[in-house]
Amino acid sequence: MSPLEQVLVAARKLSLAGKPPSLALIKASLGNSLPMPILVQGLQRFKSMSADEQAAIVVTTSAPAANVQSDDAMPTLAQLAEQVARLTANQQALVERISELEAKLSNKDPH
C-alpha cells in the first residue's frame, strides 16, 4: 500500500468512526512514519472525493489506522449512572403527565 493510500484509508476510518478527518488525527493514527506533505496531499484528496469515491476506499484491519478510537466513545460508569438517573426522572415525569392527562380526559368524558 502506498503512503498516499495509507492516508486515504486512515481518513476513511476516521470518517467511519464519526470523526472529521484532520491532519492531527491522521498523523496520530499513522504515527510519524509519513512526511507531512504526503499527509496533506492525502487529506486534500480525501476531502475532494465524492461520497461514493470515499465509500470505495477499502478499509482492512491490517492497515495502520485499524484501531482508531475516541476517548469519549466509551462513557464512564459515572456518566452512565448520570444518564440512567436523567432517563428515570424523565420517565417519572412523563408517567405523571400521562396520569394527569388521563384524569382530565376522564373528567370530560360524558360516559
N, C-alpha and C. Protein backbone atom coordinates (compact mmCIF):
# COMPACT_ATOMS: atom_id res chain seq x y z
N MET A 1 0.86 -1.17 0.00
CA MET A 1 0.00 0.00 0.00
C MET A 1 0.91 1.23 0.00
N SER A 2 0.62 2.16 -0.89
CA SER A 2 1.44 3.36 -0.98
C SER A 2 1.16 4.28 0.22
N PRO A 3 2.08 5.19 0.50
CA PRO A 3 1.85 6.13 1.61
C PRO A 3 0.56 6.94 1.43
N LEU A 4 0.28 7.32 0.20
CA LEU A 4 -0.94 8.09 -0.05
C LEU A 4 -2.18 7.25 0.23
N GLU A 5 -2.14 5.98 -0.16
CA GLU A 5 -3.26 5.09 0.12
C GLU A 5 -3.44 4.89 1.63
N GLN A 6 -2.33 4.85 2.36
CA GLN A 6 -2.41 4.72 3.82
C GLN A 6 -3.14 5.92 4.41
N VAL A 7 -2.85 7.10 3.89
CA VAL A 7 -3.51 8.31 4.38
C VAL A 7 -5.00 8.26 4.05
N LEU A 8 -5.34 7.83 2.84
CA LEU A 8 -6.75 7.74 2.45
C LEU A 8 -7.50 6.74 3.32
N VAL A 9 -6.88 5.60 3.61
CA VAL A 9 -7.53 4.59 4.46
C VAL A 9 -7.71 5.13 5.87
N ALA A 10 -6.68 5.81 6.38
CA ALA A 10 -6.79 6.39 7.73
C ALA A 10 -7.91 7.43 7.78
N ALA A 11 -8.02 8.26 6.76
CA ALA A 11 -9.07 9.27 6.70
C ALA A 11 -10.45 8.61 6.63
N ARG A 12 -10.55 7.54 5.86
CA ARG A 12 -11.83 6.82 5.74
C ARG A 12 -12.22 6.20 7.08
N LYS A 13 -11.26 5.62 7.78
CA LYS A 13 -11.56 5.01 9.08
C LYS A 13 -12.03 6.06 10.08
N LEU A 14 -11.38 7.22 10.06
CA LEU A 14 -11.81 8.30 10.95
C LEU A 14 -13.23 8.73 10.60
N SER A 15 -13.50 8.85 9.32
CA SER A 15 -14.83 9.24 8.86
C SER A 15 -15.88 8.22 9.29
N LEU A 16 -15.54 6.93 9.16
CA LEU A 16 -16.48 5.88 9.59
C LEU A 16 -16.69 5.90 11.09
N ALA A 17 -15.68 6.36 11.83
CA ALA A 17 -15.80 6.45 13.29
C ALA A 17 -16.56 7.70 13.71
N GLY A 18 -17.03 8.49 12.74
CA GLY A 18 -17.79 9.68 13.06
C GLY A 18 -16.94 10.90 13.34
N LYS A 19 -15.67 10.82 13.01
CA LYS A 19 -14.77 11.95 13.24
C LYS A 19 -14.40 12.58 11.90
N PRO A 20 -14.45 13.89 11.80
CA PRO A 20 -13.98 14.51 10.56
C PRO A 20 -12.46 14.35 10.47
N PRO A 21 -11.96 13.79 9.37
CA PRO A 21 -10.52 13.58 9.24
C PRO A 21 -9.76 14.91 9.29
N SER A 22 -8.70 14.93 10.05
CA SER A 22 -7.83 16.10 10.13
C SER A 22 -6.39 15.63 10.11
N LEU A 23 -5.48 16.55 9.84
CA LEU A 23 -4.07 16.19 9.82
C LEU A 23 -3.63 15.59 11.14
N ALA A 24 -4.05 16.19 12.24
CA ALA A 24 -3.64 15.72 13.55
C ALA A 24 -4.13 14.30 13.82
N LEU A 25 -5.40 14.02 13.50
CA LEU A 25 -5.94 12.69 13.75
C LEU A 25 -5.30 11.64 12.84
N ILE A 26 -5.07 12.01 11.57
CA ILE A 26 -4.44 11.08 10.65
C ILE A 26 -3.01 10.80 11.09
N LYS A 27 -2.28 11.85 11.45
CA LYS A 27 -0.90 11.68 11.89
C LYS A 27 -0.84 10.80 13.15
N ALA A 28 -1.77 11.03 14.07
CA ALA A 28 -1.81 10.23 15.30
C ALA A 28 -2.11 8.76 15.00
N SER A 29 -2.99 8.51 14.04
CA SER A 29 -3.35 7.13 13.75
C SER A 29 -2.28 6.40 12.94
N LEU A 30 -1.50 7.14 12.16
CA LEU A 30 -0.45 6.52 11.35
C LEU A 30 0.92 6.59 12.01
N GLY A 31 1.04 7.39 13.02
CA GLY A 31 2.36 7.58 13.64
C GLY A 31 3.16 8.60 12.84
N ASN A 32 4.42 8.70 13.14
CA ASN A 32 5.27 9.69 12.47
C ASN A 32 5.99 9.09 11.28
N SER A 33 5.45 8.03 10.71
CA SER A 33 6.15 7.33 9.64
C SER A 33 6.06 8.05 8.29
N LEU A 34 5.08 8.91 8.10
CA LEU A 34 4.89 9.56 6.82
C LEU A 34 5.23 11.06 6.91
N PRO A 35 5.83 11.60 5.85
CA PRO A 35 6.13 13.03 5.85
C PRO A 35 4.86 13.87 5.74
N MET A 36 4.93 15.05 6.31
CA MET A 36 3.77 15.95 6.34
C MET A 36 3.20 16.25 4.95
N PRO A 37 4.02 16.48 3.91
CA PRO A 37 3.42 16.75 2.58
C PRO A 37 2.53 15.61 2.07
N ILE A 38 2.90 14.37 2.39
CA ILE A 38 2.07 13.22 1.98
C ILE A 38 0.75 13.24 2.74
N LEU A 39 0.82 13.55 4.04
CA LEU A 39 -0.40 13.63 4.86
C LEU A 39 -1.33 14.71 4.32
N VAL A 40 -0.77 15.87 4.00
CA VAL A 40 -1.58 16.99 3.48
C VAL A 40 -2.20 16.61 2.15
N GLN A 41 -1.38 16.03 1.26
CA GLN A 41 -1.88 15.64 -0.05
C GLN A 41 -3.00 14.61 0.07
N GLY A 42 -2.80 13.62 0.94
CA GLY A 42 -3.82 12.59 1.11
C GLY A 42 -5.12 13.13 1.69
N LEU A 43 -5.00 14.02 2.67
CA LEU A 43 -6.20 14.60 3.26
C LEU A 43 -6.94 15.46 2.25
N GLN A 44 -6.21 16.25 1.47
CA GLN A 44 -6.85 17.07 0.44
C GLN A 44 -7.56 16.20 -0.59
N ARG A 45 -6.90 15.12 -0.98
CA ARG A 45 -7.52 14.22 -1.96
C ARG A 45 -8.78 13.59 -1.37
N PHE A 46 -8.71 13.16 -0.12
CA PHE A 46 -9.88 12.54 0.53
C PHE A 46 -11.05 13.52 0.59
N LYS A 47 -10.76 14.76 0.98
CA LYS A 47 -11.83 15.75 1.11
C LYS A 47 -12.43 16.13 -0.24
N SER A 48 -11.65 15.98 -1.32
CA SER A 48 -12.18 16.33 -2.64
C SER A 48 -12.96 15.19 -3.27
N MET A 49 -12.92 14.02 -2.68
CA MET A 49 -13.64 12.85 -3.22
C MET A 49 -15.13 12.95 -2.95
N SER A 50 -15.91 12.36 -3.84
CA SER A 50 -17.34 12.25 -3.60
C SER A 50 -17.58 11.19 -2.54
N ALA A 51 -18.79 11.14 -2.03
CA ALA A 51 -19.13 10.14 -1.01
C ALA A 51 -18.96 8.73 -1.57
N ASP A 52 -19.30 8.53 -2.84
CA ASP A 52 -19.15 7.21 -3.45
C ASP A 52 -17.67 6.82 -3.55
N GLU A 53 -16.83 7.78 -3.93
CA GLU A 53 -15.40 7.50 -4.02
C GLU A 53 -14.82 7.18 -2.64
N GLN A 54 -15.28 7.92 -1.63
CA GLN A 54 -14.81 7.65 -0.27
C GLN A 54 -15.25 6.26 0.18
N ALA A 55 -16.48 5.89 -0.17
CA ALA A 55 -17.00 4.58 0.22
C ALA A 55 -16.25 3.45 -0.47
N ALA A 56 -15.64 3.74 -1.62
CA ALA A 56 -14.91 2.72 -2.37
C ALA A 56 -13.54 2.42 -1.77
N ILE A 57 -13.10 3.25 -0.83
CA ILE A 57 -11.80 3.01 -0.19
C ILE A 57 -11.92 1.77 0.67
N VAL A 58 -11.08 0.80 0.39
CA VAL A 58 -11.12 -0.48 1.10
C VAL A 58 -10.43 -0.32 2.45
N VAL A 59 -11.18 -0.57 3.49
CA VAL A 59 -10.66 -0.47 4.85
C VAL A 59 -10.40 -1.88 5.34
N THR A 60 -9.13 -2.18 5.59
CA THR A 60 -8.77 -3.51 6.08
C THR A 60 -8.28 -3.40 7.51
N THR A 61 -8.37 -4.49 8.22
CA THR A 61 -7.93 -4.48 9.62
C THR A 61 -6.42 -4.48 9.74
N SER A 62 -5.70 -4.78 8.66
CA SER A 62 -4.25 -4.80 8.72
C SER A 62 -3.63 -3.43 8.45
N ALA A 63 -4.45 -2.46 8.11
CA ALA A 63 -3.95 -1.12 7.82
C ALA A 63 -3.51 -0.46 9.12
N PRO A 64 -2.58 0.49 9.07
CA PRO A 64 -2.04 1.11 10.28
C PRO A 64 -3.08 1.77 11.18
N ALA A 65 -4.16 2.32 10.63
CA ALA A 65 -5.13 3.05 11.44
C ALA A 65 -6.30 2.16 11.87
N ALA A 66 -6.06 0.89 12.04
CA ALA A 66 -7.15 -0.05 12.29
C ALA A 66 -7.87 0.20 13.60
N ASN A 67 -7.17 0.65 14.62
CA ASN A 67 -7.79 0.78 15.94
C ASN A 67 -7.99 2.23 16.34
N VAL A 68 -8.61 3.02 15.47
CA VAL A 68 -8.90 4.41 15.79
C VAL A 68 -10.08 4.43 16.75
N GLN A 69 -9.85 4.94 17.95
CA GLN A 69 -10.91 5.01 18.94
C GLN A 69 -10.91 6.39 19.57
N SER A 70 -12.07 6.81 19.93
CA SER A 70 -12.20 8.09 20.60
C SER A 70 -12.20 7.86 22.11
N ASP A 71 -11.55 8.76 22.83
CA ASP A 71 -11.56 8.63 24.29
C ASP A 71 -12.97 8.78 24.84
N ASP A 72 -13.78 9.61 24.16
CA ASP A 72 -15.13 9.83 24.67
C ASP A 72 -16.13 8.85 24.06
N ALA A 73 -15.66 7.90 23.23
CA ALA A 73 -16.57 6.92 22.65
C ALA A 73 -17.06 5.94 23.72
N MET A 74 -16.26 5.70 24.74
CA MET A 74 -16.63 4.80 25.81
C MET A 74 -16.99 5.61 27.05
N PRO A 75 -18.29 5.72 27.34
CA PRO A 75 -18.67 6.51 28.51
C PRO A 75 -18.21 5.84 29.81
N THR A 76 -17.94 6.67 30.79
CA THR A 76 -17.51 6.14 32.09
C THR A 76 -18.73 5.65 32.85
N LEU A 77 -18.48 4.91 33.91
CA LEU A 77 -19.56 4.41 34.74
C LEU A 77 -20.36 5.56 35.35
N ALA A 78 -19.66 6.61 35.77
CA ALA A 78 -20.35 7.77 36.34
C ALA A 78 -21.25 8.45 35.31
N GLN A 79 -20.77 8.53 34.06
CA GLN A 79 -21.59 9.14 33.01
C GLN A 79 -22.83 8.29 32.74
N LEU A 80 -22.66 7.00 32.73
CA LEU A 80 -23.80 6.11 32.50
C LEU A 80 -24.80 6.19 33.65
N ALA A 81 -24.29 6.26 34.88
CA ALA A 81 -25.18 6.38 36.04
C ALA A 81 -25.96 7.68 35.98
N GLU A 82 -25.29 8.75 35.58
CA GLU A 82 -25.96 10.04 35.45
C GLU A 82 -27.03 9.99 34.37
N GLN A 83 -26.71 9.35 33.26
CA GLN A 83 -27.68 9.23 32.18
C GLN A 83 -28.89 8.41 32.61
N VAL A 84 -28.67 7.32 33.34
CA VAL A 84 -29.78 6.50 33.83
C VAL A 84 -30.65 7.32 34.78
N ALA A 85 -30.03 8.12 35.65
CA ALA A 85 -30.79 8.95 36.59
C ALA A 85 -31.66 9.95 35.83
N ARG A 86 -31.08 10.59 34.80
CA ARG A 86 -31.84 11.56 34.00
C ARG A 86 -33.00 10.87 33.29
N LEU A 87 -32.73 9.71 32.69
CA LEU A 87 -33.78 8.99 31.98
C LEU A 87 -34.89 8.54 32.92
N THR A 88 -34.52 8.10 34.10
CA THR A 88 -35.51 7.67 35.09
C THR A 88 -36.38 8.86 35.52
N ALA A 89 -35.75 10.01 35.75
CA ALA A 89 -36.51 11.20 36.14
C ALA A 89 -37.45 11.63 35.01
N ASN A 90 -36.96 11.57 33.77
CA ASN A 90 -37.82 11.91 32.63
C ASN A 90 -38.98 10.94 32.51
N GLN A 91 -38.72 9.66 32.74
CA GLN A 91 -39.78 8.67 32.66
C GLN A 91 -40.85 8.94 33.72
N GLN A 92 -40.41 9.23 34.94
CA GLN A 92 -41.36 9.51 36.02
C GLN A 92 -42.19 10.75 35.69
N ALA A 93 -41.56 11.78 35.15
CA ALA A 93 -42.29 12.99 34.79
C ALA A 93 -43.31 12.69 33.70
N LEU A 94 -42.95 11.86 32.74
CA LEU A 94 -43.88 11.50 31.67
C LEU A 94 -45.04 10.67 32.19
N VAL A 95 -44.76 9.74 33.09
CA VAL A 95 -45.83 8.93 33.67
C VAL A 95 -46.81 9.82 34.43
N GLU A 96 -46.28 10.78 35.21
CA GLU A 96 -47.15 11.70 35.94
C GLU A 96 -47.98 12.54 34.98
N ARG A 97 -47.36 13.00 33.91
CA ARG A 97 -48.07 13.82 32.93
C ARG A 97 -49.17 13.02 32.25
N ILE A 98 -48.88 11.78 31.91
CA ILE A 98 -49.89 10.92 31.28
C ILE A 98 -51.05 10.69 32.24
N SER A 99 -50.74 10.47 33.52
CA SER A 99 -51.80 10.27 34.51
C SER A 99 -52.68 11.51 34.62
N GLU A 100 -52.06 12.68 34.63
CA GLU A 100 -52.83 13.93 34.69
C GLU A 100 -53.72 14.09 33.47
N LEU A 101 -53.18 13.81 32.30
CA LEU A 101 -53.97 13.94 31.07
C LEU A 101 -55.10 12.93 31.03
N GLU A 102 -54.85 11.71 31.48
CA GLU A 102 -55.91 10.70 31.53
C GLU A 102 -57.00 11.11 32.50
N ALA A 103 -56.62 11.71 33.63
CA ALA A 103 -57.60 12.17 34.61
C ALA A 103 -58.45 13.28 34.02
N LYS A 104 -57.82 14.22 33.34
CA LYS A 104 -58.57 15.31 32.69
C LYS A 104 -59.50 14.76 31.63
N LEU A 105 -59.02 13.79 30.87
CA LEU A 105 -59.82 13.21 29.81
C LEU A 105 -61.02 12.47 30.38
N SER A 106 -60.83 11.74 31.50
CA SER A 106 -61.96 11.03 32.07
C SER A 106 -62.99 11.98 32.70
N ASN A 107 -62.52 13.13 33.18
CA ASN A 107 -63.47 14.11 33.73
C ASN A 107 -64.31 14.75 32.65
N LYS A 108 -63.78 14.87 31.43
CA LYS A 108 -64.53 15.47 30.31
C LYS A 108 -65.38 14.45 29.59
N ASP A 109 -65.09 13.19 29.77
CA ASP A 109 -65.80 12.13 29.05
C ASP A 109 -67.22 11.98 29.62
N PRO A 110 -68.26 12.17 28.78
CA PRO A 110 -69.65 12.08 29.27
C PRO A 110 -70.11 10.68 29.57
N HIS A 111 -69.37 9.65 29.30
CA HIS A 111 -69.80 8.27 29.53
C HIS A 111 -69.85 7.96 30.95
